[in-house]
Amino acid sequence: MISLTTEGGKTVEFEENHFAQGGMKDVHWGKGKKYVVAFYRDKQDYNSKERIKNIAFDYRERIFNLEGGEYWKNLLVWPYDMLEHNGKLGIVAPVYNTNFFFQFGSVNNDMLGIKGNEKEGKWFTSASNQNRFLDDREKGDWRSYFRIGILLSRAVKRLHAAGLAHSDLSYKNVLVDPAGGAACIIDIDSLVVPGKFPPDVVGTPDFIAPEVMSSKSLKVGDPQKALPNINTDKHALAILIYMYLFYRHPLRGKKVHDLDPQKDEELSMGSQALFVEHPTDTSNRPNLNEIKASHLPWANVEQIPYTVAGPYLKELFDKAFITALHTPHNRPLANEWEIALVKTLDLMQPCQNPNCKQKWFVFDNSTNPACPFCRTAYTTQLPILNLYSSRRESQFRPDNHRIMVYNNQYLYKWHTDRTVFPNEKLNKADTKPVGYFVFHQNKWMLINQTLTALKHVNEDKLVPPGEAIELKEGTQILFGQEETSRLASVQLVN
């Protein structure tokens, strides 16, 4: 063991030999494997040292040591000290949670030898990896990737609120646990502080923004050269969310712009980037004749189009990959993705096929709804709660938010009160259900658990905790007497 005093005045002990290597650093176990010490292989200049010092102390203080800071420790693996050894600069960082290491490895007795390795996001954004290599117990279901998207959006939102850009957001710098619906962002030490600390890298292929790719060959200092910033993070986040949901890249299709592979890459990911599912320009659709069976059905954008993710996400994907693909400042904010993903969870239904691998789908309210993955039709009656809010007394307006009910589904305060949202600021008391839905004796019922002023509007009567409201066509439910309480109007779909 080597023992050193850190920049922060603490003593750390770490093993002499590294156990892992990243793109820039060698990683050593700290004492008791309770932390890691990672040394940069290349000598860091003064600016790099100042960046790391600011990140490890100043910015960490602002994010983690304020009210609610504890929440971010599970989402942002943040270095908390720095040190030097044998002329090399190093950082001290937390150990990843155990759920971010493969527990079961790959199929066929871990043929790829990944058991115990980090769950890099790239394992879960590839249809080939999902179909051929991953143990089913590691995959999670489709709904778990929505939860991962929510967590990533929330983490990126926090970085941007602090004025920071990750600069290299990609599946290599994100760890995920689909089985548990968890995610975290790593490699925080290369954050960009606009106007103070410029980026060290342009990003990872697949995630480099078009404007950065287009100006890649320009010299540093050229005013036309685009560098990673918050707007390029927004592009990378949109790609990550799309890839986690559809296991394909939104810009990699059949279109060839140049016979030189390098020039073609610069054009197809840069100035000529085109969404593979563009509604009017189909020239970049994947060529199914050239796609391996292991990439299907996900590579077939006609069979599983991006619209199966529901209306809220369709709107943001359109913005990210069509209208704002080449206008960086118009790209969706991380907060917009978080809201859309949360609202989409309320549109999801469990597939009625017990053997469906995805298990969940977004109910599209069509006349013949079916799971888009296994094609199993939805055949039973479904109540839909359309939510309304009042800004003036007795004047309720649509919230553009619906709840697609399923048996034993919970109702939460964020459904009943327009001022509550399920994010990092949510009070612990508000995480508990206020009611639940059941299908009992061929009737759909809402069971009130804790709401003290729940009202059946049609019958003009209060429904106390422990009692139920039958959900019929046109039933109206007022969730409370406060100005912020929502009204729900029930619609039955057969």
Foldseek 3Di string as FASTA:
>chain_A
DDWDQFPVGDIWAWDPAFPDDDPFWGWTQTVPSFKIKIWGPDQDDPLLVVLLVCQQPVVLCVQQVDVLNVVCVQAEFGFNTWHDDPNIIITITGDHDPLQAACQAWPDRNPVPRHRHGQQQLCQLALLSVQHIHDLLQHAFLLLLLLLLLSVLQNLLSQVVSQKDQQADASRQKGARSNVSGIYGYPSSQIDRPPRRFGPDQYDPLQRAQQQLLQVPPDPPPPSHDGDGSLSSLLNSLQSSVSNNQSDGQFQADDADDPPVSVRSSCSRYPPGAGCVPPPDNRRQHDPVPDDPSRPPSSVCVLPPPCQLDDLSVVLNCQSHPVCSPPSVRHDRSVSSNVSSVLQVQQKDAAPDPPQSNRITGFHPDLWTAHSRPRHTDDDKWKKWFKWADPDPPDTDGPPGMGTADAFAFAFVVRFFVVDDPDSPHDPVRVDGQWTWHCDPNWIKIAGAHQAAKAFVVVGDGAGHGGIDTADQQTKIFRHDDNRTMIIGMHMRD
